Structure formats: structure tokens, C-alpha cells
Protein backbone atom coordinates (compact mmCIF):
# COMPACT_ATOMS: atom_id res chain seq x y z
CA MET A 1 50.14 123.14 28.96
CA GLY A 2 47.53 122.11 25.98
CA SER A 3 44.68 119.42 25.49
CA MET A 4 47.49 116.29 24.81
CA THR A 5 48.17 116.44 29.00
CA VAL A 6 44.46 115.42 29.45
CA PRO A 7 44.14 111.69 29.66
CA GLN A 8 41.02 109.63 27.95
CA ILE A 9 39.29 108.12 29.99
CA GLN A 10 37.44 104.95 27.87
CA LEU A 11 33.71 104.46 27.84
CA ASN A 12 31.78 101.26 27.79
CA ASP A 13 30.26 101.81 24.46
CA SER A 14 34.02 101.69 22.59
CA THR A 15 33.90 106.29 22.58
CA SER A 16 36.23 108.36 24.92
CA ILE A 17 36.21 111.38 26.68
CA PRO A 18 38.75 113.71 27.57
CA GLN A 19 38.87 113.41 31.77
CA LEU A 20 39.12 116.97 32.25
CA GLY A 21 36.82 119.15 31.20
CA TYR A 22 35.17 122.38 31.88
CA GLY A 23 31.63 123.18 33.53
CA VAL A 24 29.30 126.06 32.63
CA PHE A 25 26.51 125.01 36.00
CA LYS A 26 25.84 128.80 37.06
CA VAL A 27 28.05 130.41 34.30
CA PRO A 28 25.83 133.51 33.10
CA ALA A 29 24.17 133.59 29.88
CA ASP A 30 26.23 136.28 29.72
CA GLU A 31 29.44 135.43 30.35
CA THR A 32 29.15 131.84 29.20
CA GLU A 33 30.89 132.69 25.69
CA LYS A 34 33.86 134.71 27.32
CA ALA A 35 34.54 131.68 29.61
CA VAL A 36 34.55 129.17 27.47
CA SER A 37 36.64 130.77 24.61
CA GLU A 38 39.29 131.77 27.87
CA ALA A 39 38.81 127.61 28.53
CA LEU A 40 39.63 126.58 24.80
CA GLU A 41 42.86 128.40 24.85
CA ILE A 42 43.79 127.53 27.84
CA GLY A 43 43.57 123.75 26.18
CA TYR A 44 40.36 122.53 27.99
CA ARG A 45 38.25 120.52 25.08
CA HIS A 46 35.85 119.01 26.83
CA ILE A 47 32.46 121.39 27.89
CA ASP A 48 29.89 120.23 30.31
CA THR A 49 26.76 122.40 30.09
CA ALA A 50 22.77 121.88 30.41
CA ALA A 51 19.32 122.89 28.97
CA ILE A 52 18.34 124.35 32.68
CA TYR A 53 22.01 126.47 32.43
CA GLY A 54 20.30 128.76 30.29
CA ASN A 55 23.39 129.47 28.30
CA GLU A 56 23.57 126.48 25.62
CA GLU A 57 24.19 129.50 23.09
CA GLY A 58 26.96 131.00 24.54
CA VAL A 59 28.63 127.84 24.41
CA GLY A 60 27.87 127.14 20.63
CA ALA A 61 29.35 130.49 20.14
CA ALA A 62 32.59 130.20 21.61
CA ILE A 63 33.03 126.85 20.02
CA LYS A 64 32.15 128.25 17.02
CA ALA A 65 34.32 131.50 17.31
CA SER A 66 37.38 128.87 18.45
CA GLY A 67 37.72 127.25 15.12
CA ILE A 68 38.32 124.19 16.62
CA PRO A 69 37.82 121.12 14.54
CA ARG A 70 34.59 119.78 15.92
CA GLU A 71 36.39 116.22 16.33
CA GLU A 72 39.02 117.26 18.81
CA LEU A 73 35.98 119.32 21.34
CA TYR A 74 33.97 117.18 23.49
CA ILE A 75 30.62 118.32 24.48
CA THR A 76 28.08 117.50 26.98
CA THR A 77 24.41 118.60 27.59
CA LYS A 78 21.72 117.27 29.60
CA LEU A 79 17.66 116.88 29.16
CA TRP A 80 15.88 118.45 31.69
CA ASN A 81 12.93 116.95 34.04
CA ASP A 82 9.84 118.48 32.21
CA ARG A 83 10.91 116.53 29.33
CA HIS A 84 11.08 112.82 30.03
CA ASP A 85 7.49 112.16 28.21
CA GLY A 86 6.96 110.68 25.55
CA ASP A 87 8.55 111.89 22.68
CA GLU A 88 9.28 115.36 24.58
CA PRO A 89 13.77 114.25 24.41
CA PHE A 90 13.26 114.34 20.84
CA ARG A 91 12.46 117.81 20.91
CA ALA A 92 14.66 119.15 23.65
CA ILE A 93 17.74 117.47 21.76
CA GLU A 94 17.25 119.45 19.07
CA GLU A 95 16.31 122.19 20.63
CA SER A 96 19.90 122.07 22.30
CA LEU A 97 21.59 121.63 19.39
CA THR A 98 20.21 124.50 17.37
CA LYS A 99 21.41 126.45 20.47
CA LEU A 100 24.70 124.63 20.32
CA GLY A 101 24.71 125.42 16.19
CA LEU A 102 25.92 121.67 16.89
CA ASP A 103 24.75 118.42 14.80
CA HIS A 104 25.22 116.13 17.48
CA VAL A 105 26.63 116.55 21.28
CA ASN A 106 28.91 113.62 22.06
CA LEU A 107 27.50 113.19 25.29
CA TYR A 108 23.69 113.45 26.27
CA LEU A 109 22.62 113.03 29.78
CA VAL A 110 19.22 112.51 31.68
CA HIS A 111 19.87 115.42 34.03
CA TRP A 112 17.40 113.80 37.56
CA PRO A 113 15.59 110.97 37.71
CA THR A 114 12.66 113.14 38.61
CA PRO A 115 11.56 109.31 40.85
CA GLU A 116 8.20 111.11 42.15
CA ARG A 117 6.66 111.02 38.16
CA ASP A 118 8.47 107.68 37.39
CA ASN A 119 9.28 108.68 33.75
CA TYR A 120 12.54 108.79 33.49
CA LEU A 121 13.02 105.16 32.15
CA ASN A 122 10.96 106.60 28.97
CA ALA A 123 13.31 109.65 29.32
CA TRP A 124 16.52 106.84 29.28
CA GLU A 125 15.03 105.19 26.30
CA LYS A 126 14.42 107.97 23.98
CA VAL A 127 18.01 109.14 25.39
CA VAL A 128 19.43 105.50 24.03
CA GLU A 129 17.21 106.41 20.56
CA ILE A 130 18.76 110.23 20.08
CA ARG A 131 22.06 107.69 20.57
CA GLU A 132 20.90 106.18 17.57
CA ARG A 133 19.71 108.44 15.58
CA GLY A 134 23.11 110.06 15.71
CA LEU A 135 22.26 113.39 17.61
CA THR A 136 24.82 112.06 20.67
CA THR A 137 27.29 109.98 20.62
CA SER A 138 27.64 108.58 23.92
CA ALA A 139 24.21 108.36 25.96
CA GLY A 140 24.24 108.57 30.32
CA VAL A 141 22.44 109.81 32.88
CA SER A 142 23.11 112.51 36.05
CA ASN A 143 22.01 111.79 39.80
CA PHE A 144 20.92 108.30 39.38
CA LEU A 145 21.02 106.29 42.32
CA VAL A 146 20.67 102.55 42.19
CA PRO A 147 17.49 101.82 42.40
CA HIS A 148 17.22 104.15 39.33
CA LEU A 149 20.07 102.38 37.81
CA GLU A 150 18.61 98.84 38.57
CA LYS A 151 15.23 100.28 37.02
CA ILE A 152 16.68 101.49 33.91
CA THR A 153 19.68 98.58 33.24
CA ALA A 154 17.04 95.82 33.81
CA GLY A 155 17.15 94.24 30.12
CA GLY A 156 18.16 97.74 28.77
CA ALA A 157 21.29 99.60 27.69
CA VAL A 158 23.71 100.88 30.33
CA PRO A 159 24.61 104.28 30.77
CA ALA A 160 28.45 105.07 29.77
CA VAL A 161 28.54 107.76 32.70
CA ASN A 162 26.45 108.73 35.73
CA GLN A 163 27.20 112.14 36.98
CA ILE A 164 26.61 112.72 40.64
CA GLU A 165 27.97 114.51 43.42
CA LEU A 166 31.21 113.13 44.75
CA HIS A 167 33.98 115.33 46.73
CA PRO A 168 35.97 114.46 49.70
CA ARG A 169 32.98 114.81 52.33
CA TYR A 170 30.04 113.31 49.92
CA GLN A 171 31.66 110.17 48.51
CA GLN A 172 28.57 108.08 47.13
CA ARG A 173 30.40 104.70 47.83
CA ASP A 174 27.22 103.06 46.77
CA VAL A 175 26.43 104.60 43.60
CA THR A 176 30.23 104.09 42.51
CA GLN A 177 30.95 100.64 43.61
CA TRP A 178 27.55 99.56 41.56
CA CYS A 179 28.51 101.92 39.03
CA ALA A 180 32.32 100.02 38.55
CA ASP A 181 30.15 96.81 38.79
CA HIS A 182 28.63 98.04 35.81
CA ASP A 183 31.02 99.49 33.87
CA ILE A 184 29.80 102.71 34.20
CA LYS A 185 32.19 105.71 34.72
CA ILE A 186 31.58 108.45 37.51
CA GLU A 187 31.80 111.81 35.98
CA ALA A 188 32.05 113.87 39.74
CA TRP A 189 30.15 117.27 40.12
CA GLY A 190 30.64 119.93 42.43
CA PRO A 191 34.24 118.17 42.96
CA LEU A 192 35.51 120.60 45.44
CA GLY A 193 32.48 120.91 47.17
CA GLN A 194 31.22 123.97 45.52
CA GLY A 195 32.89 126.21 48.19
CA LYS A 196 30.34 125.15 50.97
CA TYR A 197 32.86 123.67 53.07
CA ASP A 198 36.63 124.39 53.17
CA ILE A 199 38.68 122.14 51.54
CA ASN A 200 41.59 124.37 53.00
CA ALA A 201 41.06 123.51 56.18
CA LEU A 202 40.75 119.39 55.71
CA ALA A 203 44.18 118.45 57.11
CA PRO A 204 45.11 115.41 54.01
CA ILE A 205 44.29 118.06 51.90
CA ILE A 206 46.29 120.32 53.15
CA GLU A 207 49.61 117.70 53.77
CA ALA A 208 49.23 116.92 50.79
CA ALA A 209 49.38 120.43 49.02
CA GLN A 210 52.67 121.75 51.33
CA VAL A 211 54.27 118.21 50.13
CA HIS A 212 53.26 119.00 46.35
CA GLU A 213 53.35 122.66 46.62
CA LYS A 214 50.05 122.39 44.70
CA SER A 215 46.52 124.30 45.83
CA ALA A 216 44.00 122.84 47.84
CA ALA A 217 42.01 122.51 44.57
CA GLN A 218 44.81 120.76 42.71
CA VAL A 219 45.30 117.95 44.88
CA VAL A 220 41.60 117.61 45.14
CA LEU A 221 41.18 117.20 41.52
CA ARG A 222 44.25 115.09 41.58
CA TRP A 223 42.68 112.95 43.59
CA HIS A 224 39.49 112.81 41.97
CA LEU A 225 41.85 111.85 38.12
CA GLN A 226 43.93 109.29 39.88
CA SER A 227 40.39 107.51 41.25
CA GLY A 228 39.72 107.31 37.50
CA ARG A 229 36.80 109.87 38.13
CA ILE A 230 36.03 112.41 35.15
CA VAL A 231 35.92 115.94 36.34
CA PHE A 232 35.10 119.40 34.87
CA PRO A 233 35.74 122.14 37.95
CA LYS A 234 33.78 125.51 37.45
CA SER A 235 35.12 129.24 37.58
CA VAL A 236 35.26 132.22 35.18
CA ARG A 237 38.25 133.59 36.85
CA ARG A 238 41.32 132.64 34.00
CA GLU A 239 44.13 132.03 36.36
CA ARG A 240 41.69 129.87 38.40
CA LEU A 241 41.34 127.74 34.89
CA ILE A 242 44.91 127.23 34.58
CA GLU A 243 45.29 126.35 37.69
CA ASN A 244 42.43 123.43 37.77
CA PHE A 245 44.22 122.35 34.18
CA GLU A 246 47.74 121.88 35.76
CA VAL A 247 47.01 118.15 37.69
CA PHE A 248 48.77 116.38 35.59
CA ASP A 249 52.35 116.63 37.09
CA PHE A 250 52.35 115.30 40.11
CA THR A 251 51.11 112.29 41.91
CA LEU A 252 49.48 111.35 45.21
CA THR A 253 50.92 108.35 47.36
CA ASP A 254 48.29 106.17 48.28
CA ASP A 255 48.62 107.20 51.72
CA GLU A 256 47.60 110.71 50.65
CA MET A 257 44.90 108.99 48.52
CA ASP A 258 43.32 106.71 51.67
CA ALA A 259 43.84 110.01 53.88
CA ILE A 260 41.40 111.76 51.57
CA ASN A 261 39.07 109.15 50.74
CA SER A 262 38.71 108.44 54.72
CA LEU A 263 37.50 112.08 54.73
CA ASP A 264 33.79 111.02 53.53
CA THR A 265 31.48 111.87 56.46
CA GLY A 266 29.96 108.08 55.72
CA ASP A 267 26.27 109.32 56.77
CA GLY A 268 25.21 111.41 53.76
CA SER A 269 25.96 114.44 55.92
CA GLY A 270 28.62 116.00 53.69
CA ARG A 271 25.74 116.21 50.45
CA VAL A 272 25.72 120.00 49.27
CA GLY A 273 23.30 119.68 46.89
CA SER A 274 20.11 118.41 46.51
CA HIS A 275 18.82 114.87 47.09
CA PRO A 276 17.94 113.08 44.02
CA ASN A 277 14.50 111.91 45.18
CA ASP A 278 13.76 115.64 45.96
CA VAL A 279 14.25 117.11 42.52
CA ASN A 280 10.84 116.47 40.83
């Protein structure tokens, strides 16, 4: 095991990102340092957090305690919805950096488009400026649908990534195709469906798991990786952290990939999180 096994994905800004990381969504603040420390010990080098998670300090404490050189780590955080106006994004990134104990993050994302507020274009332009100031290496968005992406890229900078809900029952083909056409890489959140449905009950996943002697979760993570997506499953259990990392020693066949692709409901009913138009 070790971070050497994780492939790097090239982004449109000439930087690269480890394709597999560790996400701390819903990891309690008082458990975050321990969880991230374990992830770093196992070999994870890409950590995904956000201001709203309330656990940036824990991530920062784990980074500091690890002794791992900063250049070996890839750290993402996100701008929350109430900081889109005016110069608020500049204050928000400074707060996040203070909590993380860092002078820059590797990726800063506009967390949600909040279309009813209609101030995400300003938020995006400020995040690009934050990148130009060196406070983040890359600039991206999260939960942006095609109309939001069209608005921010019309005559402006193109995000390096779009982090969206994506798992076997909900694959967001319209968004992923638009992003592919514009060289925006997809990061999948909720990559295993957040436990809202049983991936162990889906025939193509069970069959592939049996053939490769892997768990259903490992098969789904492998499907994401082979699809070219960036993924960061969340767990606070060491054995699951290790299991999620052991996905580089097997390959799904084209038929197995196609069968998992076919699990998409196609009508959006597989969504387990909030609709981006409803988060304001």
C-alpha cells in the first residue's frame, strides 16, 4: 500500500490531482484529526473538506501532526453559500486557511450555485482571483448543473473540476458530458450512494465483486476510477479506509463497466442528496 499507487488526473490548468482521496463530510469535528491521521498513515494524500463541515481544524491538526511535506498533500476546501457576495470569498478563504494551518489549498470550490440568490458568478470570479493570488492552486465548482456552468464560463475562466453527486443509480450524464466537452474533470461525491440504497443488492455489482473477489464498494470505486472520475469515499473505520484504498489491483471488463453504467435510473430518481436548484 502507499500513496504511490494512486493515479494522478491531469487538470485543465496543468496541475494534477490524486484520483483517490479521503472525504470528511459528516465526520464529527472531534473525530476528524484521528480519522485524517489514519487516512494519511494508510497512504491517502488527498483530503477533501469544506468550511460548512466544521472540521477544517481537525484536518489541519492531522496534517501538522503527520510531518508529511506539504507538497505531497492535496487539500480541498469549499466556499459556503452565505459568502458569495462582494469580497466575502476573500475573507472565507483566509478563515479556512487559518483553520487548516496552511498558506494555500490545492483546490478551492464554490460549494453550491445557490441559483435563487444568483450570485454564483461573483463567487466564481472571486475564486479565480483567489487562485491568481496563490491562495489556491486550482479553482473549481461543486454541484453545478449545465446552465450554471454555461453562465460562469461564458467569456470567463473554466473550472478545473465540478464535484457532483454521482453513483451507480444517479450518473448525471448531461453534466458529465458537458464537462467532458470542456475538459472539466468530475469529482464524484456520495460515490457509493451514501448508504441510501444497497449497492450489494445490484446484480452487476454483485457479479463483478464475486468474479474479482472484491467487495461491492471496491467494485463501485473501481468503476469510478476507470470512468476517469476523482473519488474520495468517507469512512471513520480503519478497515474500511484500507478497503477503499485497495482498488488498484484489479480491472473491470468493458462488459462489467457497461453493466454498472446501465444501473442509472435515467430519470433522476436515483438522487440521494439535494437538488442544486433547491440549495440556496
